């Protein structure tokens, strides 16, 4: 049988593609990835793939609706469109509407226009929660009626009420009704950021703190240039004459502060806060207008300004849309833990697997059966990286190739044998260890994290009580890993060595085989790995897709990971020193 041709959207470093191709029944023909370093990694590891950059610019069909170019014979579409949750709790963030959520619709556009035989969509497990939503826009209404979705009314706080509130509300409602572009009324983001920081200092009890901040060399240069040269030109237009007067007064007050002349703080602070809040509100209503979101009202509520809009749940919309397109999918079981499919990591993801009705050869869409049922059975961190313990990683990202001259895989670990598919180790590179970090590493035992450190070692963190318990986690050989994100930013510590885990070790925790090479800066490589779908999980999903379509994989994952070791009841418990000595302590 000819291999099924695949298009991988939001492909990243290629974990999903790798798992699919490992079955021997899929060939990735087209991939789409916008990140430059991830694209380089993808190209390095996947030959003969047409790699596109921007999904929003892709045209799959001609004006008659016929598939064109490389999209004509795509059988399967896979990918993980970014999807960001929203809640009133994060309304203080700069953006109201995540452009990422619109990429979910781009994924669905590909399905709708190409009509592949099957699809796989991978995402964060919280995607089904109410926080993941689309805001109703002008083009949604007819489709939502067709899909039987009733959008819900929402009241979202977009800023604090100020002395401008009534006039600002009137101006913004008129702007929305008349389709007025709001950018001429907004200051640039750099200035907004400086003023926001300035306000934080102004709210402190002493004027000394404010003067100290504004007279820092870089800040002083910035404000002298901004205030003296073109303060009044920071807005192309002013939405209100009182606001314009306050802006002029703020410029004079800043000029005095730059010159070292402190003044009565309360009036300055009030005007600064009013202006910042007005800018936040204008910015967020501008987002509403630019994204064609339907705005039903702007209201004054106690101390806040609220907008009234409508929203609908992303996951519910996806399911209704795909069903309407003629696909059946796994409606009941869609959260999968990578550890149950051999990955030495607990990583739960939402994965939808859909088959076009005319291509379904099973009674229902098949989901992969877990190979390992309980935490005791899961592969451990030692299975993934134990054989690399005494191979010292480099710190220079360019020195990313080490020969395995005297290295041997772990005895009795099918996962380790699977990962060791190359006579070289690529990307065994770690972050450089500074003095404070080394002291932290040395004081942590397996399983401990930042919160277990002595208080004297927490001083570089402003509010260490808010630090996540995955930061400075010393991994425990005898446990599966937590979800791998960016192991460099998390400062994950090797189980037995006083150093950060290497890029290759992070890749192995994600089940990337040693032949898979990562490109880009050190931080980029760690990030690519953290963003990826573990290839072993992808392979399990791919096998289930094949089974749903009446096709068998060349070699099943079960055979690779559940070989004679398990049948002999060999314990998964790891006793590191004994095993290392057994191997000659390479």
Protein backbone atom coordinates (compact mmCIF):
# COMPACT_ATOMS: atom_id res chain seq x y z
CA UNK A 1 0.00 0.00 0.00
CA UNK A 2 1.20 3.51 -0.84
CA UNK A 3 1.92 5.61 2.22
CA UNK A 4 -0.76 8.05 3.37
CA UNK A 5 0.29 11.62 2.63
CA UNK A 6 0.27 13.95 5.64
CA UNK A 7 0.16 17.70 6.17
CA UNK A 8 1.43 18.83 9.60
CA UNK A 9 0.14 22.25 10.69
CA UNK A 10 1.93 24.17 13.48
CA UNK A 11 4.57 21.47 13.12
CA UNK A 12 7.14 22.88 15.56
CA UNK A 13 10.25 20.72 15.77
CA UNK A 14 8.33 17.78 14.29
CA UNK A 15 7.40 15.46 17.18
CA UNK A 16 3.97 14.67 15.75
CA UNK A 17 5.39 14.08 12.26
CA UNK A 18 8.11 11.83 13.68
CA UNK A 19 5.62 9.61 15.48
CA UNK A 20 3.41 9.26 12.41
CA UNK A 21 6.30 8.40 10.10
CA UNK A 22 7.64 5.79 12.56
CA UNK A 23 4.60 3.60 11.78
CA UNK A 24 5.94 3.11 8.25
CA UNK A 25 2.52 3.98 6.79
CA UNK A 26 2.61 7.78 6.68
CA UNK A 27 4.78 10.22 4.73
CA UNK A 28 4.68 13.91 5.59
CA UNK A 29 4.39 15.83 2.35
CA UNK A 30 3.61 19.36 3.61
CA UNK A 31 4.36 21.09 6.92
CA UNK A 32 3.66 24.58 8.21
CA UNK A 33 5.71 26.29 10.93
CA UNK A 34 6.36 29.99 11.47
CA UNK A 35 9.19 29.84 14.05
CA UNK A 36 12.54 30.12 12.29
CA UNK A 37 14.56 27.81 14.57
CA UNK A 38 11.84 25.16 14.71
CA UNK A 39 11.70 25.26 10.89
CA UNK A 40 15.45 24.55 10.72
CA UNK A 41 15.06 21.61 13.09
CA UNK A 42 12.11 20.28 11.11
CA UNK A 43 14.00 20.50 7.80
CA UNK A 44 17.03 18.77 9.32
CA UNK A 45 14.98 15.74 10.39
CA UNK A 46 12.31 15.44 7.66
CA UNK A 47 13.41 15.08 4.05
CA UNK A 48 11.38 15.97 0.97
CA UNK A 49 8.79 18.03 2.84
CA UNK A 50 7.31 21.22 1.39
CA UNK A 51 7.67 23.60 4.32
CA UNK A 52 5.42 26.66 4.50
CA UNK A 53 5.72 29.49 6.99
CA UNK A 54 2.42 31.35 7.50
CA UNK A 55 -0.78 29.30 7.62
CA UNK A 56 -2.97 32.38 7.15
CA UNK A 57 -1.47 32.89 3.66
CA UNK A 58 -2.05 29.34 2.40
CA UNK A 59 -4.55 28.75 -0.37
CA UNK A 60 -5.72 25.13 -0.58
CA UNK A 61 -8.43 25.48 -3.25
CA UNK A 62 -9.13 27.57 -6.32
CA UNK A 63 -12.18 29.76 -6.88
CA UNK A 64 -14.20 26.68 -7.92
CA UNK A 65 -13.37 24.91 -4.64
CA UNK A 66 -10.99 22.41 -6.27
CA UNK A 67 -7.84 21.44 -4.38
CA UNK A 68 -4.66 22.85 -5.91
CA UNK A 69 -0.91 22.27 -6.02
CA UNK A 70 0.65 20.18 -3.23
CA UNK A 71 -2.66 19.99 -1.35
CA UNK A 72 -4.40 17.88 -4.02
CA UNK A 73 -3.53 14.48 -2.55
CA UNK A 74 -3.26 15.12 1.20
CA UNK A 75 -4.82 12.16 3.04
CA UNK A 76 -4.33 13.21 6.66
CA UNK A 77 -4.03 16.59 8.39
CA UNK A 78 -2.36 16.70 11.80
CA UNK A 79 -1.28 19.51 14.10
CA UNK A 80 -1.65 21.43 17.32
CA UNK A 81 -3.04 24.94 16.82
CA UNK A 82 -2.14 27.26 19.72
CA UNK A 83 -5.13 28.05 21.92
CA UNK A 84 -4.99 30.43 24.85
CA UNK A 85 -7.45 30.59 27.72
CA UNK A 86 -9.13 33.79 28.83
CA UNK A 87 -10.49 34.87 32.19
CA UNK A 88 -11.42 38.11 33.89
CA UNK A 89 -8.48 37.45 36.19
CA UNK A 90 -6.02 38.16 33.36
CA UNK A 91 -7.78 41.24 32.03
CA UNK A 92 -4.87 43.40 33.22
CA UNK A 93 -2.73 41.87 30.50
CA UNK A 94 -2.09 44.11 27.52
CA UNK A 95 -4.26 42.14 25.12
CA UNK A 96 -7.89 41.17 25.40
CA UNK A 97 -8.16 38.94 22.35
CA UNK A 98 -5.56 36.25 21.72
CA UNK A 99 -4.61 36.04 18.05
CA UNK A 100 -3.63 32.43 18.83
CA UNK A 101 -7.27 31.45 19.21
CA UNK A 102 -7.89 32.53 15.63
CA UNK A 103 -5.32 29.92 14.54
CA UNK A 104 -7.75 27.20 15.64
CA UNK A 105 -10.05 28.49 12.88
CA UNK A 106 -7.14 28.28 10.43
CA UNK A 107 -6.71 24.61 11.32
CA UNK A 108 -10.43 24.03 10.73
CA UNK A 109 -10.24 25.92 7.42
CA UNK A 110 -7.63 23.40 6.24
CA UNK A 111 -9.92 20.50 7.19
CA UNK A 112 -12.94 22.12 5.54
CA UNK A 113 -11.19 22.89 2.25
CA UNK A 114 -8.97 19.80 1.89
CA UNK A 115 -11.47 17.28 3.35
CA UNK A 116 -8.76 14.74 4.31
CA UNK A 117 -9.57 11.12 5.11
CA UNK A 118 -8.47 11.69 8.69
CA UNK A 119 -7.23 14.38 11.04
CA UNK A 120 -5.51 14.63 14.41
CA UNK A 121 -5.69 17.78 16.52
CA UNK A 122 -3.49 18.02 19.62
CA UNK A 123 -3.88 20.69 22.27
CA UNK A 124 -3.66 21.61 25.94
CA UNK A 125 -6.00 19.52 28.06
CA UNK A 126 -7.73 22.66 29.39
CA UNK A 127 -8.96 23.47 25.89
CA UNK A 128 -12.34 22.01 26.83
CA UNK A 129 -12.68 24.46 29.74
CA UNK A 130 -14.87 27.55 29.64
CA UNK A 131 -11.77 29.76 29.63
CA UNK A 132 -11.10 28.78 26.02
CA UNK A 133 -13.52 30.85 24.02
CA UNK A 134 -14.10 32.75 20.82
CA UNK A 135 -15.64 36.20 20.99
CA UNK A 136 -18.57 36.53 18.61
CA UNK A 137 -17.66 38.51 15.51
CA UNK A 138 -19.67 39.74 12.56
CA UNK A 139 -18.98 36.70 10.38
CA UNK A 140 -19.86 34.03 12.98
CA UNK A 141 -23.59 34.41 13.38
CA UNK A 142 -24.93 32.43 10.41
CA UNK A 143 -22.54 29.54 11.04
CA UNK A 144 -23.40 29.37 14.75
CA UNK A 145 -27.10 29.15 13.91
CA UNK A 146 -26.31 26.30 11.48
CA UNK A 147 -24.25 24.49 14.15
CA UNK A 148 -26.85 25.05 16.88
CA UNK A 149 -24.52 27.10 19.10
CA UNK A 150 -26.00 29.88 21.24
CA UNK A 151 -23.32 32.43 22.23
CA UNK A 152 -23.41 33.62 25.84
CA UNK A 153 -23.39 37.26 26.92
CA UNK A 154 -20.24 38.35 28.77
CA UNK A 155 -19.30 41.39 30.81
CA UNK A 156 -15.57 42.00 30.70
CA UNK A 157 -13.72 44.64 32.72
CA UNK A 158 -11.35 46.56 30.50
CA UNK A 159 -10.07 49.22 32.88
CA UNK A 160 -10.73 51.38 35.91
CA UNK A 161 -13.29 54.15 35.87
CA UNK A 162 -11.68 57.62 35.86
CA UNK A 163 -12.78 61.24 35.66
CA UNK A 164 -12.95 60.73 31.88
CA UNK A 165 -15.22 57.67 32.09
CA UNK A 166 -18.51 59.14 30.78
CA UNK A 167 -16.90 61.04 27.91
CA UNK A 168 -14.62 58.11 27.06
CA UNK A 169 -17.55 55.70 26.94
CA UNK A 170 -19.46 58.00 24.58
CA UNK A 171 -16.42 58.47 22.34
CA UNK A 172 -15.68 54.73 22.11
CA UNK A 173 -19.27 53.72 21.39
CA UNK A 174 -19.35 56.25 18.55
CA UNK A 175 -15.98 54.97 17.30
CA UNK A 176 -17.33 51.41 17.24
CA UNK A 177 -20.58 52.41 15.49
CA UNK A 178 -18.78 54.51 12.88
CA UNK A 179 -15.82 52.12 12.44
CA UNK A 180 -13.26 54.76 13.47
CA UNK A 181 -9.62 53.66 13.60
CA UNK A 182 -8.42 54.21 17.19
CA UNK A 183 -4.64 53.99 16.72
CA UNK A 184 -4.23 57.80 16.25
CA UNK A 185 -5.56 58.23 19.81
CA UNK A 186 -3.09 55.74 21.34
CA UNK A 187 0.46 56.33 22.58
CA UNK A 188 3.18 53.88 21.58
CA UNK A 189 3.83 50.75 23.64
CA UNK A 190 7.30 51.82 24.84
CA UNK A 191 5.97 55.04 26.31
CA UNK A 192 2.98 53.23 27.81
CA UNK A 193 5.33 50.75 29.48
CA UNK A 194 7.54 53.56 30.88
CA UNK A 195 4.53 55.46 32.23
CA UNK A 196 3.08 52.32 33.83
CA UNK A 197 6.38 51.68 35.65
CA UNK A 198 6.52 55.36 36.60
CA UNK A 199 3.07 55.08 38.19
CA UNK A 200 4.22 52.14 40.33
CA UNK A 201 7.02 54.30 41.73
CA UNK A 202 4.72 57.31 42.14
CA UNK A 203 2.40 55.21 44.33
CA UNK A 204 5.17 54.56 46.85
CA UNK A 205 5.18 56.73 49.96
CA UNK A 206 8.36 58.63 49.30
CA UNK A 207 9.10 60.96 46.40
CA UNK A 208 12.72 59.80 46.60
CA UNK A 209 11.83 56.50 44.93
CA UNK A 210 10.11 58.33 42.07
CA UNK A 211 13.06 60.68 41.56
CA UNK A 212 15.52 57.79 41.73
CA UNK A 213 13.64 55.92 39.01
CA UNK A 214 13.24 58.88 36.67
CA UNK A 215 16.84 60.03 37.09
CA UNK A 216 18.37 56.66 36.24
CA UNK A 217 20.59 57.36 33.24
CA UNK A 218 18.59 55.38 30.67
CA UNK A 219 15.23 56.66 31.95
CA UNK A 220 16.46 60.24 32.16
CA UNK A 221 17.68 60.17 28.56
CA UNK A 222 14.39 58.67 27.44
CA UNK A 223 12.17 61.20 29.23
CA UNK A 224 14.34 64.23 28.31
CA UNK A 225 14.06 63.28 24.64
CA UNK A 226 10.33 62.49 24.85
CA UNK A 227 9.27 65.49 26.94
CA UNK A 228 11.47 68.19 25.38
CA UNK A 229 11.18 67.28 21.73
CA UNK A 230 7.72 65.98 20.94
CA UNK A 231 5.58 65.39 24.01
CA UNK A 232 2.38 66.77 22.50
CA UNK A 233 2.97 64.76 19.32
CA UNK A 234 2.84 61.41 21.13
CA UNK A 235 -0.83 61.32 20.07
CA UNK A 236 -1.68 61.83 16.42
CA UNK A 237 -5.10 62.95 17.61
CA UNK A 238 -6.71 63.67 20.98
CA UNK A 239 -10.09 62.19 21.75
CA UNK A 240 -11.00 64.86 24.33
CA UNK A 241 -9.86 68.40 25.22
CA UNK A 242 -9.69 67.76 29.00
CA UNK A 243 -7.52 64.69 28.34
CA UNK A 244 -5.31 66.83 26.10
CA UNK A 245 -4.83 69.42 28.86
CA UNK A 246 -3.98 66.70 31.37
CA UNK A 247 -1.45 65.26 28.91
CA UNK A 248 0.20 68.68 28.59
CA UNK A 249 0.28 69.09 32.39
CA UNK A 250 1.80 65.61 32.74
CA UNK A 251 4.57 66.62 30.34
CA UNK A 252 5.40 69.71 32.44
CA UNK A 253 5.43 67.63 35.64
CA UNK A 254 7.77 65.10 34.04
CA UNK A 255 10.08 67.87 32.90
CA UNK A 256 10.34 69.08 36.52
CA UNK A 257 11.04 65.57 37.76
CA UNK A 258 13.76 65.05 35.16
CA UNK A 259 15.34 68.30 36.40
CA UNK A 260 15.26 66.95 39.96
CA UNK A 261 12.41 69.13 41.19
CA UNK A 262 10.06 67.03 43.32
CA UNK A 263 6.54 68.34 43.73
CA UNK A 264 3.25 67.58 45.41
CA UNK A 265 2.70 64.00 44.32
CA UNK A 266 -1.04 63.38 44.52
CA UNK A 267 -2.13 65.54 41.55
CA UNK A 268 0.66 64.15 39.34
CA UNK A 269 -0.18 60.59 40.37
CA UNK A 270 -3.92 61.07 39.70
CA UNK A 271 -3.40 62.50 36.22
CA UNK A 272 -0.86 59.83 35.35
CA UNK A 273 -3.21 57.04 36.48
CA UNK A 274 -6.20 58.54 34.65
CA UNK A 275 -4.21 58.77 31.41
CA UNK A 276 -2.86 55.21 31.72
CA UNK A 277 -6.33 53.78 32.42
CA UNK A 278 -7.84 55.71 29.49
CA UNK A 279 -5.11 54.32 27.21
CA UNK A 280 -5.77 50.75 28.40
CA UNK A 281 -9.47 51.12 27.65
CA UNK A 282 -8.87 52.64 24.20
CA UNK A 283 -6.38 49.88 23.38
CA UNK A 284 -8.83 47.11 24.30
CA UNK A 285 -11.77 48.61 22.43
CA UNK A 286 -9.42 49.03 19.47
CA UNK A 287 -8.82 45.25 19.63
CA UNK A 288 -12.58 44.68 19.59
CA UNK A 289 -12.94 46.86 16.48
CA UNK A 290 -9.87 45.43 14.69
CA UNK A 291 -11.04 41.84 15.28
CA UNK A 292 -14.60 42.69 14.19
CA UNK A 293 -15.96 41.49 17.55
CA UNK A 294 -19.57 42.47 18.10
CA UNK A 295 -19.76 45.08 20.86
CA UNK A 296 -23.16 45.40 22.53
CA UNK A 297 -22.38 48.04 25.17
CA UNK A 298 -19.76 49.80 27.28
CA UNK A 299 -20.91 50.32 30.86
CA UNK A 300 -19.71 52.06 34.01
CA UNK A 301 -19.82 49.54 36.87
CA UNK A 302 -18.77 50.86 40.28
CA UNK A 303 -15.04 51.49 39.80
CA UNK A 304 -14.64 49.80 36.41
CA UNK A 305 -15.48 50.11 32.76
CA UNK A 306 -17.01 46.96 31.27
CA UNK A 307 -17.77 45.89 27.74
CA UNK A 308 -20.70 43.64 26.85
CA UNK A 309 -19.86 41.09 24.18
CA UNK A 310 -20.83 37.47 23.41
CA UNK A 311 -18.66 34.36 23.40
CA UNK A 312 -18.81 30.65 22.68
CA UNK A 313 -16.69 27.71 23.80
CA UNK A 314 -13.80 26.78 21.48
CA UNK A 315 -13.94 23.02 22.05
CA UNK A 316 -17.70 22.79 21.58
CA UNK A 317 -17.39 24.81 18.36
CA UNK A 318 -14.61 22.53 17.05
CA UNK A 319 -16.65 19.37 17.70
CA UNK A 320 -19.83 20.77 16.12
CA UNK A 321 -17.89 22.05 13.12
CA UNK A 322 -16.05 18.77 12.49
CA UNK A 323 -19.23 16.72 12.85
CA UNK A 324 -20.93 19.06 10.36
CA UNK A 325 -18.06 18.42 7.93
CA UNK A 326 -18.77 14.69 8.03
CA UNK A 327 -16.19 13.42 10.51
CA UNK A 328 -16.59 11.01 13.39
CA UNK A 329 -14.12 11.36 16.25
CA UNK A 330 -13.32 10.27 19.81
CA UNK A 331 -15.98 12.19 21.71
CA UNK A 332 -15.67 10.32 25.01
CA UNK A 333 -11.96 9.75 25.50
CA UNK A 334 -9.73 12.58 24.35
CA UNK A 335 -7.28 13.22 27.22
CA UNK A 336 -4.14 11.10 26.85
CA UNK A 337 -1.19 10.77 29.24
CA UNK A 338 2.11 10.30 27.40
CA UNK A 339 3.44 8.15 30.26
CA UNK A 340 0.88 5.45 29.40
CA UNK A 341 2.46 5.10 25.96
CA UNK A 342 6.08 4.71 27.07
CA UNK A 343 7.23 8.32 27.47
CA UNK A 344 9.17 8.82 30.73
CA UNK A 345 6.99 11.82 31.50
CA UNK A 346 3.52 12.56 32.80
CA UNK A 347 2.10 14.82 30.10
CA UNK A 348 -1.66 14.97 29.62
CA UNK A 349 -2.90 16.42 26.35
CA UNK A 350 -6.21 16.75 24.57
CA UNK A 351 -6.13 14.89 21.26
CA UNK A 352 -9.02 14.65 18.80
CA UNK A 353 -8.76 11.90 16.20
CA UNK A 354 -11.24 12.14 13.35
CA UNK A 355 -12.04 9.90 10.39
CA UNK A 356 -14.19 10.94 7.44
CA UNK A 357 -17.34 8.79 7.59
CA UNK A 358 -16.70 7.11 4.24
CA UNK A 359 -13.17 6.11 5.35
CA UNK A 360 -14.04 4.61 8.75
CA UNK A 361 -13.43 0.85 8.76
CA UNK A 362 -14.12 0.23 12.46
CA UNK A 363 -17.36 0.53 14.41
CA UNK A 364 -16.08 3.76 15.95
CA UNK A 365 -12.87 5.76 15.98
CA UNK A 366 -10.23 3.66 17.72
CA UNK A 367 -8.27 5.27 20.56
CA UNK A 368 -4.89 3.83 21.60
CA UNK A 369 -4.99 1.41 24.53
CA UNK A 370 -2.54 2.36 27.30
CA UNK A 371 0.58 0.18 27.36
CA UNK A 372 1.26 1.07 30.99
CA UNK A 373 -1.68 1.39 33.36
CA UNK A 374 -0.26 2.73 36.62
CA UNK A 375 2.48 5.08 37.78
CA UNK A 376 4.47 2.11 39.09
CA UNK A 377 4.60 0.70 35.56
CA UNK A 378 5.56 3.94 33.79
CA UNK A 379 9.02 4.35 32.35
CA UNK A 380 11.19 6.33 34.73
CA UNK A 381 13.62 9.18 34.19
CA UNK A 382 16.45 6.67 34.57
CA UNK A 383 15.10 4.67 31.61
CA UNK A 384 15.36 7.79 29.48
CA UNK A 385 18.67 9.34 30.54
CA UNK A 386 20.48 7.04 32.99
CA UNK A 387 23.02 5.88 30.40
CA UNK A 388 24.17 9.47 29.79
CA UNK A 389 25.08 10.21 33.42
CA UNK A 390 28.84 10.00 32.99
CA UNK A 391 29.02 11.58 29.56
CA UNK A 392 29.69 15.22 30.39
CA UNK A 393 27.64 17.65 28.32
CA UNK A 394 29.18 20.65 26.59
CA UNK A 395 28.18 24.25 27.34
CA UNK A 396 28.89 25.57 23.84
CA UNK A 397 25.82 25.01 21.64
CA UNK A 398 28.08 24.64 18.60
CA UNK A 399 29.82 21.60 20.15
CA UNK A 400 26.73 19.47 19.81
CA UNK A 401 28.09 16.12 18.62
CA UNK A 402 29.64 13.42 20.81
CA UNK A 403 30.61 9.91 19.70
CA UNK A 404 29.33 7.01 21.81
CA UNK A 405 32.66 5.19 21.76
CA UNK A 406 32.47 3.45 25.14
CA UNK A 407 28.77 3.97 25.75
CA UNK A 408 26.24 1.20 26.12
CA UNK A 409 22.45 1.43 26.51
CA UNK A 410 20.89 0.40 29.81
CA UNK A 411 20.35 -3.30 30.34
CA UNK A 412 16.71 -4.33 30.47
CA UNK A 413 15.15 -1.03 29.39
CA UNK A 414 13.23 -1.19 26.08
CA UNK A 415 12.73 2.59 26.14
CA UNK A 416 16.46 3.20 26.48
CA UNK A 417 17.19 0.80 23.62
CA UNK A 418 14.61 2.62 21.47
CA UNK A 419 16.15 6.03 22.23
CA UNK A 420 19.70 4.82 21.44
CA UNK A 421 19.23 4.63 17.67
CA UNK A 422 22.42 6.49 16.75
CA UNK A 423 26.16 6.00 17.30
CA UNK A 424 26.38 9.70 18.16
CA UNK A 425 24.78 11.93 20.75
CA UNK A 426 23.62 15.27 19.41
CA UNK A 427 22.66 18.33 21.46
CA UNK A 428 24.16 17.03 24.72
CA UNK A 429 24.64 20.66 25.73
CA UNK A 430 23.69 22.32 29.01
CA UNK A 431 23.41 25.81 30.39
CA UNK A 432 26.47 27.29 32.07
CA UNK A 433 26.29 26.99 35.85
CA UNK A 434 26.86 30.21 37.79
CA UNK A 435 28.01 30.29 41.42
CA UNK A 436 24.59 30.84 43.04
CA UNK A 437 22.96 28.18 40.83
CA UNK A 438 25.71 25.68 41.70
CA UNK A 439 25.13 26.22 45.43
CA UNK A 440 21.43 25.58 44.87
CA UNK A 441 22.14 22.44 42.86
CA UNK A 442 24.46 21.11 45.57
CA UNK A 443 21.90 21.59 48.34
CA UNK A 444 18.97 19.85 46.58
CA UNK A 445 18.18 16.15 46.88
CA UNK A 446 16.21 14.11 44.36
CA UNK A 447 12.62 15.33 44.10
CA UNK A 448 13.30 18.62 45.90
CA UNK A 449 12.76 22.07 44.36
CA UNK A 450 13.27 25.79 44.94
CA UNK A 451 11.03 25.80 48.02
CA UNK A 452 13.31 23.28 49.76
CA UNK A 453 16.30 25.63 49.54
CA UNK A 454 17.66 27.48 52.54
CA UNK A 455 16.36 31.07 52.72
CA UNK A 456 19.88 32.36 52.03
CA UNK A 457 19.75 30.75 48.58
CA UNK A 458 16.45 32.36 47.55
CA UNK A 459 17.61 35.97 47.61
CA UNK A 460 17.68 36.57 43.84
CA UNK A 461 13.90 36.04 43.61
CA UNK A 462 11.76 39.05 44.54
CA UNK A 463 8.77 37.06 45.81
CA UNK A 464 9.94 33.48 46.15
CA UNK A 465 6.66 32.35 47.70
CA UNK A 466 5.11 32.64 44.23
CA UNK A 467 7.78 30.51 42.56
CA UNK A 468 6.35 27.33 41.04
CA UNK A 469 7.41 24.04 42.58
CA UNK A 470 8.81 22.88 39.23
CA UNK A 471 11.56 25.55 39.40
CA UNK A 472 14.97 24.16 40.42
CA UNK A 473 13.45 20.68 40.55
CA UNK A 474 16.12 18.04 41.02
CA UNK A 475 14.73 15.18 39.00
CA UNK A 476 14.33 11.79 40.65
CA UNK A 477 15.67 8.83 38.65
CA UNK A 478 12.99 6.55 40.03
CA UNK A 479 10.02 8.68 38.95
CA UNK A 480 8.56 9.69 35.61
CA UNK A 481 9.21 13.33 34.80
CA UNK A 482 6.71 16.13 35.24
CA UNK A 483 5.55 17.80 32.03
CA UNK A 484 8.60 19.02 30.12
CA UNK A 485 8.22 22.72 29.29
CA UNK A 486 11.43 24.72 28.85
CA UNK A 487 13.87 22.82 31.07
CA UNK A 488 16.33 25.71 30.89
CA UNK A 489 13.87 28.30 32.19
CA UNK A 490 12.64 25.82 34.80
CA UNK A 491 16.27 25.19 35.84
CA UNK A 492 15.73 21.44 36.09
CA UNK A 493 18.63 19.72 37.84
CA UNK A 494 20.13 16.37 36.87
CA UNK A 495 19.19 13.58 39.33
CA UNK A 496 22.80 12.69 40.20
CA UNK A 497 25.00 15.54 38.92
CA UNK A 498 25.16 19.15 40.10
CA UNK A 499 24.23 20.62 36.73
CA UNK A 500 21.21 21.46 34.62
CA UNK A 501 19.85 18.71 32.41
CA UNK A 502 21.10 18.92 28.85
CA UNK A 503 19.10 19.58 25.70
CA UNK A 504 19.49 15.92 24.74
CA UNK A 505 18.32 14.74 28.15
CA UNK A 506 15.23 16.95 27.84
CA UNK A 507 14.67 15.54 24.33
CA UNK A 508 14.88 11.99 25.66
CA UNK A 509 12.34 12.79 28.38
CA UNK A 510 10.10 13.78 25.47
CA UNK A 511 10.98 10.45 23.72
CA UNK A 512 12.98 11.95 20.83
CA UNK A 513 15.49 9.36 19.59
CA UNK A 514 19.19 10.23 19.58
CA UNK A 515 19.27 10.61 15.78
CA UNK A 516 16.86 13.56 16.02
CA UNK A 517 18.95 16.74 15.89
CA UNK A 518 17.84 20.17 17.11
CA UNK A 519 19.03 23.47 15.65
CA UNK A 520 18.95 27.09 16.81
CA UNK A 521 20.09 28.88 19.96
CA UNK A 522 20.37 26.97 23.23
CA UNK A 523 17.18 28.45 24.67
CA UNK A 524 15.34 27.88 21.39
CA UNK A 525 16.27 24.18 21.41
CA UNK A 526 15.01 23.72 24.97
CA UNK A 527 11.81 25.56 23.98
CA UNK A 528 11.28 23.52 20.82
CA UNK A 529 11.52 20.35 22.90
CA UNK A 530 9.10 21.67 25.53
CA UNK A 531 6.57 22.63 22.85
CA UNK A 532 6.72 19.30 21.05
CA UNK A 533 4.35 16.36 21.01
CA UNK A 534 6.30 13.34 22.34
CA UNK A 535 6.99 11.13 19.29
CA UNK A 536 5.99 7.95 21.19
CA UNK A 537 2.60 9.43 22.05
CA UNK A 538 2.25 10.59 18.43
CA UNK A 539 3.12 7.08 17.25
CA UNK A 540 0.43 5.53 19.48
CA UNK A 541 -2.13 8.00 18.10
CA UNK A 542 -1.00 7.29 14.53
CA UNK A 543 -1.41 3.52 15.03
CA UNK A 544 -4.98 4.09 16.27
CA UNK A 545 -5.76 6.25 13.21
CA UNK A 546 -4.49 3.44 10.97
CA UNK A 547 -6.62 0.88 12.82
CA UNK A 548 -9.69 3.11 12.39
CA UNK A 549 -8.98 3.12 8.65
CA UNK A 550 -8.41 -0.66 8.45
CA UNK A 551 -4.61 -0.44 8.06
CA UNK A 552 -1.88 -2.05 10.21
CA UNK A 553 1.35 -0.37 11.28
CA UNK A 554 4.58 -2.07 10.13
CA UNK A 555 5.69 -2.65 13.73
CA UNK A 556 3.50 -1.82 16.69
CA UNK A 557 4.71 0.25 19.59
CA UNK A 558 3.61 -2.51 21.93
CA UNK A 559 6.18 -4.85 20.43
CA UNK A 560 8.97 -2.32 20.91
CA UNK A 561 8.19 -1.30 24.49
CA UNK A 562 6.59 -4.45 25.92
CA UNK A 563 9.13 -7.07 24.92
CA UNK A 564 10.44 -10.04 26.86
CA UNK A 565 11.61 -7.81 29.70
CA UNK A 566 8.04 -7.30 30.85
CA UNK A 567 7.03 -10.91 30.30
CA UNK A 568 9.82 -11.98 32.66
CA UNK A 569 8.40 -9.57 35.26
CA UNK A 570 11.64 -7.64 35.40
CA UNK A 571 11.14 -4.81 37.89
CA UNK A 572 10.99 -1.25 36.63
CA UNK A 573 12.51 -0.18 39.97
CA UNK A 574 15.92 1.36 39.36
CA UNK A 575 18.93 0.96 41.59
CA UNK A 576 21.30 3.38 39.96
CA UNK A 577 24.71 2.46 41.42
CA UNK A 578 24.26 -1.27 40.81
CA UNK A 579 23.11 -0.81 37.23
CA UNK A 580 25.93 1.61 36.46
CA UNK A 581 28.52 -0.78 37.90
CA UNK A 582 26.92 -3.61 35.89
CA UNK A 583 27.65 -1.62 32.75
CA UNK A 584 31.21 -0.87 33.71
CA UNK A 585 30.35 2.64 34.88
CA UNK A 586 30.96 4.14 31.45
